[in-house]
Amino acid sequence: MSDHKPPPAKVPDGVTRYLTTRQMPPNEKGFVGFETIWKPFQKEAEYKTPKRP
C-alpha cells in the first residue's frame, strides 16, 4: 500500500465586492493555501496646495 493521497479538490475562486480568494497549488508537504487579494476601499486624491488669501 502506498501512502500517496490524491490531490485535493479544486475550489472555485471566492469573489466579493472588496476581496477575492484563490486556491494555491499544494506545496511539497501537501498543504494547500489560499491567496487573498484585496481591492482598495477608497480612491486616493492628489493633494493640491490651498490658495493663499
Protein backbone atom coordinates (compact mmCIF):
# COMPACT_ATOMS: atom_id res chain seq x y z
CA MET A 1 0.00 0.00 0.00
CA SER A 2 1.25 3.45 -0.76
CA ASP A 3 0.84 6.49 1.44
CA HIS A 4 0.19 8.67 -1.60
CA LYS A 5 -3.06 10.62 -1.26
CA PRO A 6 -4.98 12.00 -4.23
CA PRO A 7 -4.65 15.76 -4.79
CA PRO A 8 -7.26 17.87 -3.00
CA ALA A 9 -10.28 19.05 -4.96
CA LYS A 10 -10.03 22.40 -6.77
CA VAL A 11 -12.08 25.08 -5.03
CA PRO A 12 -13.61 27.86 -7.16
CA ASP A 13 -12.46 31.45 -6.60
CA GLY A 14 -14.34 33.33 -3.91
CA VAL A 15 -15.31 36.77 -5.18
CA THR A 16 -16.87 39.54 -3.11
CA ARG A 17 -17.00 43.31 -3.51
CA TYR A 18 -13.58 44.03 -2.00
CA LEU A 19 -11.98 40.60 -1.65
CA THR A 20 -11.00 37.70 -3.90
CA THR A 21 -9.59 34.39 -2.65
CA ARG A 22 -7.85 31.86 -4.86
CA GLN A 23 -6.65 28.38 -4.03
CA MET A 24 -2.88 27.96 -4.38
CA PRO A 25 -1.29 24.73 -5.59
CA PRO A 26 -0.20 22.22 -2.93
CA ASN A 27 3.39 22.55 -1.68
CA GLU A 28 5.84 19.67 -1.15
CA LYS A 29 4.14 18.71 2.14
CA GLY A 30 0.69 18.69 0.55
CA PHE A 31 -0.56 21.88 2.26
CA VAL A 32 -3.00 23.86 0.13
CA GLY A 33 -3.21 27.55 0.99
CA PHE A 34 -5.32 30.42 -0.23
CA GLU A 35 -4.20 33.69 -1.81
CA THR A 36 -6.14 36.76 -0.66
CA ILE A 37 -6.41 39.75 -3.00
CA TRP A 38 -7.89 42.98 -1.60
CA LYS A 39 -9.37 45.74 -3.73
CA PRO A 40 -8.98 49.34 -2.50
CA PHE A 41 -11.81 50.66 -0.34
CA GLN A 42 -11.39 54.27 -1.41
CA LYS A 43 -9.65 56.35 -4.04
CA GLU A 44 -6.68 58.48 -3.13
CA ALA A 45 -6.92 62.03 -4.46
CA GLU A 46 -3.86 64.03 -5.40
CA TYR A 47 -3.05 66.74 -2.85
CA LYS A 48 -3.42 70.31 -4.07
CA THR A 49 -1.99 73.24 -2.11
CA PRO A 50 -4.79 75.58 -0.98
CA LYS A 51 -4.99 79.09 -2.45
CA ARG A 52 -3.34 81.86 -0.49
CA PRO A 53 -5.72 84.59 0.74
